[in-house]
Amino acid sequence: MPSLITPPIWKTHIASPFDTLSVAVPIVITQLELLENHYEERETAYEEAKAAGEEAANSLHDIIGVLGEI
């Protein structure tokens, strides 16, 4: 016969919403920080590629100008 003082086992292992949030919130924050870092890295890579493309276009323009003078 179950004891009247001790609750059934299933009642002692149910997590409260606050327990779930205390675990989930730091995980979500970490994921958002990683996403932000990834976005910043992609933005930096885009800016570097854009600058390299502009430099290549300027060099090509200079080469065409020199060839036009020949």
C-alpha atoms as a PDB file:
ATOM      1  CA  MET A   1       0.000   0.000   0.000  1.00  0.00           C
ATOM      2  CA  PRO A   2       1.459   3.420  -0.962  1.00  0.00           C
ATOM      3  CA  SER A   3       2.431   5.791   1.774  1.00  0.00           C
ATOM      4  CA  LEU A   4       0.242   8.836   2.280  1.00  0.00           C
ATOM      5  CA  ILE A   5       3.304  10.993   3.023  1.00  0.00           C
ATOM      6  CA  THR A   6       5.408  10.172  -0.050  1.00  0.00           C
ATOM      7  CA  PRO A   7       3.894  11.290  -3.366  1.00  0.00           C
ATOM      8  CA  PRO A   8       3.786   8.803  -6.229  1.00  0.00           C
ATOM      9  CA  ILE A   9       7.009   8.596  -8.244  1.00  0.00           C
ATOM     10  CA  TRP A  10       5.504  10.260 -11.347  1.00  0.00           C
ATOM     11  CA  LYS A  11       4.684  13.371  -9.324  1.00  0.00           C
ATOM     12  CA  THR A  12       8.274  13.800  -8.162  1.00  0.00           C
ATOM     13  CA  HIS A  13       9.772  13.682 -11.681  1.00  0.00           C
ATOM     14  CA  ILE A  14       7.619  16.202 -13.528  1.00  0.00           C
ATOM     15  CA  ALA A  15       9.653  19.286 -14.387  1.00  0.00           C
ATOM     16  CA  SER A  16       8.059  22.607 -13.707  1.00  0.00           C
ATOM     17  CA  PRO A  17       7.918  25.203 -16.494  1.00  0.00           C
ATOM     18  CA  PHE A  18      10.588  27.158 -14.624  1.00  0.00           C
ATOM     19  CA  ASP A  19      12.931  24.147 -14.628  1.00  0.00           C
ATOM     20  CA  THR A  20      12.453  23.809 -18.364  1.00  0.00           C
ATOM     21  CA  LEU A  21      13.039  27.528 -18.940  1.00  0.00           C
ATOM     22  CA  SER A  22      16.142  27.561 -16.772  1.00  0.00           C
ATOM     23  CA  VAL A  23      17.652  24.988 -19.134  1.00  0.00           C
ATOM     24  CA  ALA A  24      16.178  26.227 -22.419  1.00  0.00           C
ATOM     25  CA  VAL A  25      16.885  29.960 -22.115  1.00  0.00           C
ATOM     26  CA  PRO A  26      20.704  29.677 -21.849  1.00  0.00           C
ATOM     27  CA  ILE A  27      20.712  27.262 -24.803  1.00  0.00           C
ATOM     28  CA  VAL A  28      18.642  29.660 -26.909  1.00  0.00           C
ATOM     29  CA  ILE A  29      20.865  32.597 -25.933  1.00  0.00           C
ATOM     30  CA  THR A  30      23.971  30.625 -26.907  1.00  0.00           C
ATOM     31  CA  GLN A  31      22.436  29.680 -30.253  1.00  0.00           C
ATOM     32  CA  LEU A  32      21.512  33.313 -30.937  1.00  0.00           C
ATOM     33  CA  GLU A  33      25.058  34.430 -30.125  1.00  0.00           C
ATOM     34  CA  LEU A  34      26.471  31.793 -32.498  1.00  0.00           C
ATOM     35  CA  LEU A  35      24.044  32.899 -35.200  1.00  0.00           C
ATOM     36  CA  GLU A  36      25.052  36.534 -34.709  1.00  0.00           C
ATOM     37  CA  ASN A  37      28.752  35.626 -34.970  1.00  0.00           C
ATOM     38  CA  HIS A  38      28.070  33.591 -38.119  1.00  0.00           C
ATOM     39  CA  TYR A  39      26.179  36.524 -39.657  1.00  0.00           C
ATOM     40  CA  GLU A  40      29.013  38.939 -38.835  1.00  0.00           C
ATOM     41  CA  GLU A  41      31.572  36.557 -40.365  1.00  0.00           C
ATOM     42  CA  ARG A  42      29.508  36.249 -43.551  1.00  0.00           C
ATOM     43  CA  GLU A  43      29.054  40.007 -43.726  1.00  0.00           C
ATOM     44  CA  THR A  44      32.815  40.511 -43.352  1.00  0.00           C
ATOM     45  CA  ALA A  45      33.518  37.903 -46.039  1.00  0.00           C
ATOM     46  CA  TYR A  46      31.027  39.630 -48.353  1.00  0.00           C
ATOM     47  CA  GLU A  47      32.683  43.020 -47.830  1.00  0.00           C
ATOM     48  CA  GLU A  48      36.135  41.527 -48.482  1.00  0.00           C
ATOM     49  CA  ALA A  49      34.931  39.802 -51.661  1.00  0.00           C
ATOM     50  CA  LYS A  50      33.251  42.991 -52.833  1.00  0.00           C
ATOM     51  CA  ALA A  51      36.458  44.997 -52.273  1.00  0.00           C
ATOM     52  CA  ALA A  52      38.518  42.355 -54.105  1.00  0.00           C
ATOM     53  CA  GLY A  53      36.054  42.412 -57.012  1.00  0.00           C
ATOM     54  CA  GLU A  54      36.225  46.196 -57.240  1.00  0.00           C
ATOM     55  CA  GLU A  55      40.028  46.058 -57.178  1.00  0.00           C
ATOM     56  CA  ALA A  56      40.044  43.445 -59.948  1.00  0.00           C
ATOM     57  CA  ALA A  57      37.629  45.545 -62.017  1.00  0.00           C
ATOM     58  CA  ASN A  58      39.844  48.613 -61.601  1.00  0.00           C
ATOM     59  CA  SER A  59      42.924  46.616 -62.611  1.00  0.00           C
ATOM     60  CA  LEU A  60      41.124  45.266 -65.667  1.00  0.00           C
ATOM     61  CA  HIS A  61      40.023  48.794 -66.584  1.00  0.00           C
ATOM     62  CA  ASP A  62      43.642  49.971 -66.303  1.00  0.00           C
ATOM     63  CA  ILE A  63      44.868  47.086 -68.484  1.00  0.00           C
ATOM     64  CA  ILE A  64      42.229  47.833 -71.132  1.00  0.00           C
ATOM     65  CA  GLY A  65      43.257  51.497 -71.042  1.00  0.00           C
ATOM     66  CA  VAL A  66      46.908  50.618 -71.596  1.00  0.00           C
ATOM     67  CA  LEU A  67      46.035  48.221 -74.432  1.00  0.00           C
ATOM     68  CA  GLY A  68      43.882  50.926 -76.022  1.00  0.00           C
ATOM     69  CA  GLU A  69      46.871  53.258 -76.130  1.00  0.00           C
ATOM     70  CA  ILE A  70      49.018  50.725 -77.988  1.00  0.00           C
END
